[in-house]
Amino acid sequence: MKRIKLIVAYDGTNYSGWQVQNNGETIEGVLNRAISELTGEEITVIGASRTDAGVHALGNVAVFDTESRIPGEKFVFALNIRLPEDIRIQDSCEVPLDFHPRKCVSTKVYEYRILNRKFELPCERYTSYFYHRPLDVERMQKAASYLVGEHDFKSFCSIHTQALTTVRTIYSIDVDKCGDFITICVKGSGFLYNMVRIIAGTLIQAGIGAFPPEHVKEMLLALDRQAASQTAPARGLRLVEIQYEKM
C-alpha cells in the first residue's frame, strides 16, 4: 500500500463544490471515478480544502491510497488524459502513509479577484466578481490589517459552520490593484466555512466607504455573523496553494 499526493487545479464553475454530494457533480467525485478506473480499485480521495460550488483552485491537495504499481510521479500523466478539461492534476508523488492533507501543519493561500470597472467583461464572468462602484484600495488594505493575527473569526464565518473552534490565524492580507482588477490575497493557517468570501465582502464595503476601516475591530469583537458584511460571490475566489512543513 502507498499514498499518493496530487496537486489539483480546476475551474469550479460547473461543479457543486469539492465534496461528493447526491445532487450534483463534484471535483471529488470526478477524481474518485478517474482514479478508480485507472487502478481498478475503489478509490476515495481525501482533499485538503473542500471548496464551495463555483470556487476555483490552482493548487488544492488530495491524497489516496493504492496498491497500484504505477510510480507516484506518473499518476499526473495517467489521470490528466482521463479527466475533463476543467480539472487538471499539476503534480503527483508518493508521500508517507501518515501524511494527511487536512491534519498536517500548513499555510493556505487564497485570492479573491474583483473586476472593478464601469462595465462587465464577459470573458471574466466566471473567474472574478464584477463590482461597478469605485473601490478605494487604501481603505480596503487598512481594514484588512485589523484581521491579521490570531482572532476569533466567528463574525466572519457561516452560521452553518461545524468547526469546533472559530479561532484562526491569518498571517497576511494584501490588497493590490492592477488595471481594472483588485486582488485580495489571504494567507493563513486555516479558514472557516465562507471565511474568505465574508472577508472579501467586508473589504468591498470598506472600499466604498460604508464604514471606517477601524470598524473591522468592532466586527471581530462582536462574535456575531450579522456584524460583518455580506458573503462575496464564489466565482471570485480561488485557492492558490497549500504550503506544508517538510514531511
Protein backbone atom coordinates (compact mmCIF):
# COMPACT_ATOMS: atom_id res chain seq x y z
CA MET A 1 0.00 0.00 0.00
CA LYS A 2 1.24 3.50 -0.79
CA ARG A 3 -0.18 7.01 -0.50
CA ILE A 4 -0.19 9.33 -3.50
CA LYS A 5 -0.42 13.11 -3.22
CA LEU A 6 -2.00 15.15 -6.02
CA ILE A 7 -1.87 18.87 -6.69
CA VAL A 8 -5.21 19.65 -8.33
CA ALA A 9 -6.23 22.70 -10.38
CA TYR A 10 -9.81 23.24 -11.50
CA ASP A 11 -12.41 25.65 -12.77
CA GLY A 12 -15.22 25.20 -10.27
CA THR A 13 -17.92 26.85 -12.39
CA ASN A 14 -19.73 23.65 -13.38
CA TYR A 15 -19.33 21.81 -10.08
CA SER A 16 -21.25 21.64 -6.81
CA GLY A 17 -18.03 22.17 -4.87
CA TRP A 18 -15.31 19.71 -3.89
CA GLN A 19 -17.12 17.27 -1.63
CA VAL A 20 -19.22 14.42 -3.00
CA GLN A 21 -22.95 15.20 -2.93
CA ASN A 22 -26.10 13.41 -4.02
CA ASN A 23 -27.50 16.32 -6.00
CA GLY A 24 -24.65 17.36 -8.28
CA GLU A 25 -21.27 16.67 -9.84
CA THR A 26 -18.23 17.48 -7.68
CA ILE A 27 -14.47 17.65 -8.06
CA GLU A 28 -14.01 14.84 -5.55
CA GLY A 29 -16.50 12.64 -7.36
CA VAL A 30 -14.77 13.09 -10.71
CA LEU A 31 -11.36 12.31 -9.17
CA ASN A 32 -12.68 9.21 -7.41
CA ARG A 33 -14.05 7.81 -10.67
CA ALA A 34 -10.95 8.61 -12.71
CA ILE A 35 -8.52 7.07 -10.21
CA SER A 36 -10.72 4.03 -9.64
CA GLU A 37 -10.90 3.45 -13.39
CA LEU A 38 -7.12 3.77 -13.68
CA THR A 39 -6.18 1.48 -10.79
CA GLY A 40 -9.08 -0.95 -10.80
CA GLU A 41 -9.66 -0.22 -7.09
CA GLU A 42 -12.42 1.54 -5.19
CA ILE A 43 -10.69 4.87 -4.51
CA THR A 44 -11.84 7.75 -2.31
CA VAL A 45 -9.57 10.78 -2.20
CA ILE A 46 -9.03 12.97 0.85
CA GLY A 47 -8.94 16.67 -0.02
CA ALA A 48 -7.16 19.43 1.84
CA SER A 49 -9.75 22.12 1.16
CA ARG A 50 -13.41 21.33 0.50
CA THR A 51 -14.09 24.34 -1.71
CA ASP A 52 -17.66 25.50 -2.32
CA ALA A 53 -19.65 25.43 -5.55
CA GLY A 54 -18.19 27.83 -8.10
CA VAL A 55 -14.86 28.25 -6.29
CA HIS A 56 -11.70 27.60 -8.31
CA ALA A 57 -8.26 26.22 -7.42
CA LEU A 58 -4.74 26.44 -8.77
CA GLY A 59 -3.30 24.09 -6.17
CA ASN A 60 -5.69 22.13 -3.98
CA VAL A 61 -4.17 18.97 -2.47
CA ALA A 62 -5.63 15.47 -2.36
CA VAL A 63 -4.29 12.06 -1.36
CA PHE A 64 -5.39 8.48 -1.96
CA ASP A 65 -4.11 5.04 -1.04
CA THR A 66 -3.47 2.41 -3.66
CA GLU A 67 -1.88 -0.98 -4.33
CA SER A 68 -1.16 0.09 -7.90
CA ARG A 69 2.36 -0.38 -9.21
CA ILE A 70 2.18 2.91 -11.13
CA PRO A 71 5.01 5.18 -9.86
CA GLY A 72 3.75 8.17 -7.89
CA GLU A 73 5.14 10.71 -10.34
CA LYS A 74 3.36 9.03 -13.28
CA PHE A 75 -0.18 9.46 -11.96
CA VAL A 76 -0.27 13.07 -13.16
CA PHE A 77 0.01 11.94 -16.78
CA ALA A 78 -2.26 8.92 -16.49
CA LEU A 79 -5.04 10.90 -14.81
CA ASN A 80 -4.98 14.01 -16.98
CA ILE A 81 -5.95 12.03 -20.06
CA ARG A 82 -8.99 10.71 -18.15
CA LEU A 83 -10.15 13.97 -16.59
CA PRO A 84 -12.41 16.65 -18.12
CA GLU A 85 -10.64 19.76 -19.38
CA ASP A 86 -11.73 21.88 -16.40
CA ILE A 87 -9.81 19.63 -13.95
CA ARG A 88 -6.09 19.06 -14.29
CA ILE A 89 -3.52 17.43 -11.99
CA GLN A 90 -0.43 19.64 -11.70
CA ASP A 91 1.84 17.18 -9.88
CA SER A 92 1.78 13.76 -8.25
CA CYS A 93 4.16 11.98 -5.91
CA GLU A 94 4.30 9.32 -3.23
CA VAL A 95 4.15 10.57 0.37
CA PRO A 96 4.36 8.85 3.77
CA LEU A 97 1.26 6.86 4.73
CA ASP A 98 0.66 9.11 7.73
CA PHE A 99 0.50 12.30 5.64
CA HIS A 100 -2.99 13.80 5.90
CA PRO A 101 -3.71 16.95 3.86
CA ARG A 102 -6.03 18.47 6.47
CA LYS A 103 -4.20 17.45 9.64
CA CYS A 104 -0.59 18.30 8.75
CA VAL A 105 0.58 21.83 9.57
CA SER A 106 0.17 24.05 6.53
CA THR A 107 -0.33 27.55 5.20
CA LYS A 108 -3.24 28.09 2.82
CA VAL A 109 -3.23 30.90 0.27
CA TYR A 110 -6.47 32.20 -1.22
CA GLU A 111 -7.10 35.01 -3.69
CA TYR A 112 -10.31 36.91 -4.29
CA ARG A 113 -10.45 38.73 -7.65
CA ILE A 114 -12.68 41.76 -8.21
CA LEU A 115 -13.28 43.32 -11.61
CA ASN A 116 -13.75 46.98 -10.67
CA ARG A 117 -14.86 48.99 -13.70
CA LYS A 118 -17.94 50.60 -15.22
CA PHE A 119 -18.98 47.66 -17.39
CA GLU A 120 -18.56 43.90 -17.19
CA LEU A 121 -16.13 41.84 -19.25
CA PRO A 122 -17.92 38.67 -20.44
CA CYS A 123 -14.72 36.60 -20.53
CA GLU A 124 -14.20 37.28 -16.81
CA ARG A 125 -17.71 36.49 -15.62
CA TYR A 126 -16.83 33.10 -14.09
CA THR A 127 -13.43 33.95 -12.59
CA SER A 128 -13.96 37.32 -10.95
CA TYR A 129 -16.63 39.32 -9.15
CA PHE A 130 -17.77 42.37 -11.11
CA TYR A 131 -18.29 45.45 -8.94
CA HIS A 132 -19.08 48.73 -10.69
CA ARG A 133 -18.67 51.24 -7.84
CA PRO A 134 -15.12 52.60 -7.48
CA LEU A 135 -13.21 50.92 -4.64
CA ASP A 136 -10.59 52.65 -2.51
CA VAL A 137 -7.76 50.12 -2.25
CA GLU A 138 -6.04 52.01 0.58
CA ARG A 139 -9.20 51.84 2.71
CA MET A 140 -9.53 48.14 1.93
CA GLN A 141 -5.92 47.46 2.93
CA LYS A 142 -6.34 49.42 6.16
CA ALA A 143 -9.47 47.46 7.05
CA ALA A 144 -7.70 44.19 6.22
CA SER A 145 -4.83 44.99 8.59
CA TYR A 146 -7.13 44.54 11.60
CA LEU A 147 -7.78 40.92 10.61
CA VAL A 148 -4.13 39.86 10.61
CA GLY A 149 -3.08 37.71 13.57
CA GLU A 150 -4.89 35.21 15.77
CA HIS A 151 -8.53 36.12 16.35
CA ASP A 152 -11.91 34.57 16.97
CA PHE A 153 -13.46 34.87 13.49
CA LYS A 154 -16.99 33.93 14.49
CA SER A 155 -18.26 37.11 12.83
CA PHE A 156 -16.52 36.06 9.61
CA CYS A 157 -17.85 32.55 9.11
CA SER A 158 -21.13 31.00 8.08
CA ILE A 159 -23.61 30.26 10.87
CA HIS A 160 -23.66 26.71 9.46
CA THR A 161 -20.02 26.04 10.31
CA GLN A 162 -19.34 22.77 12.13
CA ALA A 163 -15.88 23.80 13.36
CA LEU A 164 -15.10 23.05 16.99
CA THR A 165 -13.46 26.47 17.37
CA THR A 166 -13.71 29.67 15.34
CA VAL A 167 -10.24 30.88 16.34
CA ARG A 168 -7.91 31.09 13.35
CA THR A 169 -4.61 32.79 12.46
CA ILE A 170 -4.19 35.00 9.40
CA TYR A 171 -0.54 35.62 8.52
CA SER A 172 -1.13 38.33 5.94
CA ILE A 173 -3.76 40.04 3.78
CA ASP A 174 -2.65 42.04 0.75
CA VAL A 175 -4.97 44.15 -1.39
CA ASP A 176 -3.48 45.07 -4.75
CA LYS A 177 -4.80 46.73 -7.89
CA CYS A 178 -3.58 46.05 -11.42
CA GLY A 179 -5.58 47.74 -14.15
CA ASP A 180 -9.26 47.05 -13.52
CA PHE A 181 -8.58 44.12 -11.20
CA ILE A 182 -8.33 44.23 -7.41
CA THR A 183 -6.92 41.09 -5.81
CA ILE A 184 -7.26 40.25 -2.13
CA CYS A 185 -4.61 37.68 -1.16
CA VAL A 186 -5.11 35.99 2.21
CA LYS A 187 -2.60 33.65 3.85
CA GLY A 188 -3.49 31.71 6.99
CA SER A 189 -3.18 28.50 8.94
CA GLY A 190 -6.73 27.53 8.09
CA PHE A 191 -10.10 29.02 7.24
CA LEU A 192 -13.69 28.65 8.37
CA TYR A 193 -16.69 28.00 6.13
CA ASN A 194 -17.14 31.06 3.84
CA MET A 195 -14.50 32.98 5.83
CA VAL A 196 -12.50 34.35 2.88
CA ARG A 197 -15.65 35.33 0.97
CA ILE A 198 -17.02 37.16 4.02
CA ILE A 199 -13.69 38.94 4.44
CA ALA A 200 -13.84 39.94 0.76
CA GLY A 201 -17.41 41.21 1.11
CA THR A 202 -16.43 43.24 4.17
CA LEU A 203 -13.38 44.78 2.50
CA ILE A 204 -15.52 45.75 -0.51
CA GLN A 205 -17.87 47.63 1.81
CA ALA A 206 -14.90 49.33 3.45
CA GLY A 207 -13.68 50.24 -0.04
CA ILE A 208 -16.86 52.14 -0.90
CA GLY A 209 -16.81 53.97 2.43
CA ALA A 210 -19.75 52.14 4.03
CA PHE A 211 -17.83 52.25 7.33
CA PRO A 212 -14.39 53.39 8.52
CA PRO A 213 -11.65 50.73 8.28
CA GLU A 214 -11.28 50.76 12.08
CA HIS A 215 -14.80 49.36 12.39
CA VAL A 216 -13.43 45.91 11.49
CA LYS A 217 -12.09 45.69 15.05
CA GLU A 218 -15.64 46.01 16.38
CA MET A 219 -16.84 43.35 13.94
CA LEU A 220 -14.30 40.88 15.31
CA LEU A 221 -15.22 41.62 18.91
CA ALA A 222 -18.95 41.24 18.22
CA LEU A 223 -18.60 37.47 17.60
CA ASP A 224 -21.77 37.75 15.52
CA ARG A 225 -22.12 36.92 11.82
CA GLN A 226 -24.50 39.85 11.37
CA ALA A 227 -21.76 42.27 12.41
CA ALA A 228 -19.72 41.64 9.24
CA SER A 229 -20.77 42.29 5.64
CA GLN A 230 -22.39 40.03 3.06
CA THR A 231 -20.62 36.99 1.65
CA ALA A 232 -18.99 37.81 -1.70
CA PRO A 233 -19.91 35.50 -4.62
CA ALA A 234 -17.99 32.24 -5.05
CA ARG A 235 -16.79 32.94 -8.59
CA GLY A 236 -14.17 35.47 -7.45
CA LEU A 237 -12.43 33.02 -5.10
CA ARG A 238 -9.60 30.64 -5.89
CA LEU A 239 -7.35 28.50 -3.73
CA VAL A 240 -3.84 29.37 -4.92
CA GLU A 241 -1.72 26.90 -2.98
CA ILE A 242 -1.23 24.94 0.22
CA GLN A 243 2.25 25.01 1.70
CA TYR A 244 3.19 22.15 4.04
CA GLU A 245 6.01 21.91 6.51
CA LYS A 246 8.63 19.39 5.48
CA MET A 247 7.27 15.86 5.63
